[in-house]
Protein backbone atom coordinates (compact mmCIF):
# COMPACT_ATOMS: atom_id res chain seq x y z
CA MET A 1 117.36 82.63 -0.32
CA SER A 2 120.46 84.74 0.30
CA ALA A 3 121.97 86.40 -2.76
CA ARG A 4 125.31 85.06 -1.54
CA THR A 5 124.25 81.47 -2.16
CA THR A 6 125.81 80.14 -5.36
CA ILE A 7 125.72 76.80 -7.16
CA THR A 8 128.81 75.77 -9.11
CA GLN A 9 129.80 72.66 -11.01
CA VAL A 10 133.10 71.27 -9.75
CA GLY A 11 135.28 68.19 -10.16
CA PHE A 12 135.86 65.16 -7.97
CA GLU A 13 138.77 66.92 -6.26
CA SER A 14 136.13 68.89 -4.30
CA ILE A 15 134.28 65.81 -3.06
CA ASP A 16 135.46 65.97 0.57
CA VAL A 17 133.73 69.34 0.98
CA VAL A 18 130.36 67.57 0.92
CA ALA A 19 131.15 65.03 3.67
CA PRO A 20 129.00 66.83 6.33
CA LEU A 21 126.15 67.10 3.81
CA TRP A 22 126.24 63.37 3.10
CA GLU A 23 126.27 62.69 6.85
CA ALA A 24 123.21 64.94 7.20
CA LEU A 25 121.45 62.88 4.54
CA PHE A 26 122.48 59.70 6.35
CA ASP A 27 120.96 61.14 9.54
CA HIS A 28 117.74 61.92 7.67
CA HIS A 29 117.50 58.41 6.23
CA ARG A 30 118.04 57.00 9.70
CA SER A 31 115.40 59.33 11.17
CA ILE A 32 112.73 58.03 8.77
CA GLY A 33 113.56 54.42 9.61
CA ALA A 34 116.08 53.54 6.88
CA ALA A 35 113.39 51.41 5.19
CA GLY A 36 113.40 49.10 8.21
CA PHE A 37 116.96 47.81 7.75
CA ALA A 38 119.84 47.97 10.23
CA VAL A 39 122.25 50.84 9.53
CA ILE A 40 126.00 51.05 9.89
CA PRO A 41 127.72 53.26 12.50
CA ARG A 42 127.64 56.91 11.44
CA GLU A 43 131.43 57.24 11.61
CA ARG A 44 131.80 54.72 8.77
CA THR A 45 129.34 56.18 6.30
CA TRP A 46 131.40 58.91 4.65
CA ALA A 47 134.41 56.71 3.86
CA LEU A 48 132.10 54.21 2.16
CA ARG A 49 130.16 56.93 0.32
CA ARG A 50 133.37 58.58 -0.82
CA ALA A 51 134.56 55.25 -2.25
CA HIS A 52 131.24 54.98 -4.08
CA TYR A 53 131.64 58.47 -5.57
CA GLU A 54 135.17 57.59 -6.61
CA ARG A 55 133.80 54.62 -8.56
CA VAL A 56 131.09 56.83 -10.09
CA PHE A 57 133.58 59.42 -11.31
CA ALA A 58 135.96 56.76 -12.58
CA GLY A 59 133.45 54.49 -14.28
CA GLU A 60 130.20 56.28 -15.14
CA ALA A 61 129.54 58.49 -18.17
CA ASN A 62 129.55 62.27 -17.69
CA PRO A 63 129.63 62.41 -13.89
CA THR A 64 128.71 65.82 -12.49
CA LEU A 65 129.03 67.36 -9.02
CA TRP A 66 127.24 70.59 -8.11
CA ILE A 67 128.00 72.31 -4.80
CA ALA A 68 125.87 75.07 -3.31
CA ARG A 69 127.71 77.50 -1.04
CA ARG A 70 126.61 80.30 1.23
CA GLU A 71 129.69 82.49 1.24
CA SER A 72 132.43 79.87 1.77
CA THR A 73 130.29 77.16 3.43
CA ALA A 74 128.88 74.23 1.46
CA ILE A 75 125.15 73.96 2.22
CA GLY A 76 123.98 71.57 -0.50
CA TYR A 77 125.14 69.33 -3.33
CA ALA A 78 123.98 67.03 -6.10
CA VAL A 79 125.64 64.26 -8.11
CA ALA A 80 124.43 62.95 -11.47
CA PHE A 81 125.68 60.74 -14.30
CA ASP A 82 124.46 59.26 -17.58
CA GLU A 83 122.74 55.88 -17.49
CA PHE A 84 120.56 53.81 -19.79
CA VAL A 85 117.10 54.29 -18.22
CA ALA A 86 113.82 52.61 -19.15
CA GLY A 87 115.09 51.68 -22.60
CA SER A 88 116.38 55.18 -23.38
CA GLU A 89 119.44 57.35 -22.86
CA GLY A 90 119.02 58.90 -19.44
CA ARG A 91 120.51 60.91 -16.62
CA MET A 92 120.57 59.61 -13.07
CA LEU A 93 120.28 62.02 -10.13
CA GLU A 94 122.41 59.97 -7.79
CA THR A 95 122.36 62.28 -4.74
CA LEU A 96 120.70 65.51 -3.65
CA SER A 97 121.38 66.78 -0.14
CA VAL A 98 120.70 70.10 1.59
CA ALA A 99 122.08 71.12 4.99
CA PRO A 100 119.42 70.98 7.74
CA ASP A 101 119.53 74.76 8.32
CA ALA A 102 118.98 75.42 4.60
CA ARG A 103 115.99 73.12 4.13
CA GLY A 104 112.81 74.88 3.13
CA SER A 105 114.75 77.72 1.54
CA GLY A 106 114.31 76.56 -2.05
CA LEU A 107 117.89 75.36 -2.37
CA GLY A 108 116.83 71.79 -3.15
CA THR A 109 114.66 73.13 -5.97
CA ARG A 110 117.62 75.10 -7.34
CA LEU A 111 119.87 72.03 -7.30
CA MET A 112 117.11 70.04 -8.98
CA ALA A 113 116.83 72.77 -11.62
CA ALA A 114 120.53 72.43 -12.42
CA PHE A 115 119.97 68.72 -13.04
CA ASP A 116 116.73 69.29 -14.97
CA GLY A 117 118.31 71.90 -17.21
CA GLU A 118 120.96 69.45 -18.29
CA VAL A 119 118.40 66.69 -18.87
CA ARG A 120 116.12 68.85 -21.01
CA ARG A 121 118.95 70.43 -22.97
CA ARG A 122 120.24 66.99 -23.98
CA GLY A 123 116.79 65.39 -24.43
CA LEU A 124 117.38 62.66 -21.85
CA VAL A 125 115.12 60.61 -19.57
CA ALA A 126 115.52 61.66 -15.93
CA ALA A 127 115.76 59.09 -13.14
CA LEU A 128 116.35 58.98 -9.39
CA ASP A 129 115.97 56.60 -6.45
CA VAL A 130 113.90 57.28 -3.33
CA MET A 131 114.32 55.35 -0.09
CA SER A 132 111.21 53.42 0.91
CA GLY A 133 109.37 55.36 3.59
CA ASN A 134 110.62 58.75 2.39
CA ASP A 135 107.09 59.81 1.49
CA ARG A 136 107.82 63.53 1.55
CA ALA A 137 110.55 63.23 -1.09
CA LYS A 138 108.45 60.89 -3.21
CA SER A 139 105.51 63.32 -3.17
CA LEU A 140 107.84 66.11 -4.31
CA TYR A 141 109.13 64.07 -7.24
CA LEU A 142 105.61 63.02 -8.22
CA ARG A 143 104.66 66.70 -8.40
CA GLN A 144 107.66 67.29 -10.62
CA GLY A 145 106.44 64.74 -13.16
CA PHE A 146 108.35 61.63 -12.06
CA GLU A 147 106.55 58.29 -12.08
CA PRO A 148 107.31 54.98 -10.33
CA HIS A 149 109.32 52.73 -12.63
CA SER A 150 110.82 49.90 -10.57
CA GLU A 151 111.27 48.69 -7.01
CA ILE A 152 114.32 47.34 -5.23
CA TRP A 153 113.69 44.75 -2.54
CA MET A 154 116.48 43.67 -0.22
CA ARG A 155 117.39 40.97 2.23
CA SER A 156 120.51 41.46 4.33
CA ARG A 157 120.87 38.34 6.40
CA PRO A 158 124.40 37.51 7.60
CA ALA A 159 125.52 34.03 6.63
CA ALA A 160 126.34 31.54 9.35
CA GLY A 161 129.65 30.73 7.62
CA LYS A 162 131.94 32.53 5.22
CA GLY A 163 130.60 30.78 2.14
CA THR A 164 132.62 29.27 -0.65
CA GLU A 165 135.00 31.33 -2.77
CA GLN A 166 133.39 30.36 -6.09
CA ALA A 167 129.74 30.21 -7.06
CA PRO A 168 128.48 26.70 -7.83
CA ALA A 169 128.35 25.80 -11.51
CA SER A 170 124.58 25.59 -11.24
CA LEU A 171 124.20 29.25 -10.16
CA SER A 172 124.25 30.71 -13.67
CA GLU A 173 121.71 28.09 -14.75
CA LEU A 174 119.43 28.94 -11.81
CA VAL A 175 119.63 32.63 -12.66
CA ALA A 176 118.82 31.93 -16.31
CA GLN A 177 115.90 29.69 -15.41
CA ALA A 178 114.40 32.49 -13.32
CA GLY A 179 114.74 34.96 -16.19
CA LEU A 180 117.07 37.14 -14.14
CA GLN A 181 120.11 39.27 -14.78
CA LEU A 182 122.76 39.01 -12.04
CA THR A 183 125.20 41.76 -11.14
CA ILE A 184 127.64 41.73 -8.23
CA VAL A 185 128.40 45.20 -6.90
CA PRO A 186 131.02 46.10 -4.30
CA GLY A 187 130.00 46.58 -0.71
CA PRO A 188 129.62 47.27 2.11
CA ASP A 189 126.73 49.66 1.62
CA ASP A 190 127.21 53.21 2.94
CA THR A 191 123.92 53.19 4.87
CA TRP A 192 122.72 49.65 5.53
CA GLN A 193 124.57 46.77 7.13
CA SER A 194 125.58 44.55 4.23
CA SER A 195 128.04 42.01 2.89
CA ASP A 196 131.24 42.94 1.04
CA ARG A 197 129.60 41.75 -2.19
CA ILE A 198 126.01 42.72 -2.92
CA ALA A 199 124.12 40.57 -5.40
CA VAL A 200 121.60 42.42 -7.57
CA LEU A 201 119.00 40.33 -9.39
CA ILE A 202 117.03 42.16 -12.08
CA THR A 203 113.76 40.77 -13.40
CA SER A 204 111.21 42.10 -15.87
CA ALA A 205 108.90 39.05 -15.66
CA ILE A 206 106.74 39.31 -12.54
CA GLU A 207 103.36 38.46 -14.04
CA ALA A 208 101.44 35.39 -12.99
CA GLY A 209 103.27 32.33 -14.21
CA SER A 210 106.79 33.72 -13.97
CA ASN A 211 109.22 31.27 -12.35
CA GLN A 212 109.26 32.53 -8.79
CA LEU A 213 110.57 29.21 -7.45
CA ALA A 214 113.67 29.50 -9.63
CA THR A 215 114.18 33.04 -8.32
CA LEU A 216 114.10 31.84 -4.72
CA GLU A 217 116.50 28.98 -5.55
CA ALA A 218 118.94 31.47 -7.09
CA ILE A 219 118.65 33.64 -3.96
CA ASP A 220 119.46 30.66 -1.72
CA ALA A 221 122.47 29.78 -3.88
CA LEU A 222 123.81 33.32 -3.61
CA GLN A 223 123.41 33.21 0.16
CA ARG A 224 125.45 29.99 0.29
CA VAL A 225 128.40 31.57 -1.54
CA GLY A 226 128.61 34.51 0.83
CA CYS A 227 126.45 37.15 -0.88
CA TRP A 228 124.26 37.58 2.17
CA THR A 229 122.97 40.95 1.00
CA ILE A 230 120.73 40.42 -2.02
CA GLN A 231 118.65 42.96 -3.90
CA VAL A 232 115.88 42.12 -6.35
CA VAL A 233 114.89 44.77 -8.89
CA MET A 234 111.36 44.41 -10.24
CA PRO A 235 108.94 46.59 -12.22
CA ALA A 236 106.56 48.82 -10.25
CA SER A 237 103.53 46.98 -11.57
CA PRO A 238 100.20 46.04 -9.96
CA SER A 239 100.63 42.58 -11.50
CA GLY A 240 103.54 41.84 -9.15
CA VAL A 241 101.44 41.18 -6.04
CA SER A 242 102.22 37.45 -5.96
CA PHE A 243 105.94 38.05 -6.52
CA ARG A 244 106.06 40.64 -3.73
CA MET A 245 104.37 38.17 -1.39
CA SER A 246 106.99 35.55 -2.27
CA LEU A 247 109.78 38.02 -1.57
CA ARG A 248 108.28 38.99 1.79
CA ALA A 249 107.94 35.33 2.72
CA ALA A 250 111.66 34.92 1.92
CA GLY A 251 112.60 37.78 4.25
CA PHE A 252 112.81 40.64 1.73
CA ALA A 253 111.42 44.15 2.12
CA PRO A 254 111.37 47.18 -0.22
CA CYS A 255 114.37 49.47 0.23
CA LEU A 256 114.36 51.82 -2.79
CA GLU A 257 112.05 52.95 -5.57
CA ARG A 258 113.31 54.09 -8.96
CA MET A 259 111.33 57.01 -10.41
CA VAL A 260 111.54 58.13 -14.02
CA ARG A 261 110.45 61.20 -15.99
CA ARG A 262 110.42 60.95 -19.77
């Protein structure tokens, strides 16, 4: 590692410096198969990611941006913010990217150390998401003490029509019957082809006997109102085999895995 490589914490006003680094991460995700989902054109990804970062810095607690530079060139960056994780106060490592010509130099470890130092100093739970199929990154995080916590499964199936403007009155009842929490997040996604509104269904009840039929009915209702990209968040538990099979039968596949270190 060159002595001229420095890592500094900066504000959102520096965000455009990292555009090539985000595009490099996009290229990497695409090279490993993007979890099997269709990706957007490369020329669109930074504008969408920048809008996401703008929401993070406007709406999340204690957002942080670190940029690594070799002389005047940005060669890596990381973004983190505070989030309630696994029932505790936590810190989310939202992005970590290293330029292709700096990979293997230890820079990623140094950026991770900046995040870890903050987490340990404040006594927080650490969390991050890994794209399904990114086995190399997952192995690294396992060695660093992270453990699987939850899985995100996704179906992105364009609707035949535009859908209605308002959700049917029965939608909230269907969601409640399935024991789910529903959140609508803005789209499109900055990597995968998706709808303008992404429905996120969170469940903690995946054991045998949980109401999987109600979950599938809620998914169908969301599709009808135009949320044709739907994500289901479930615990990373061996007891979820039946639920995973139901999701696969409905056209879902795993896209992300949340990992946590207490």
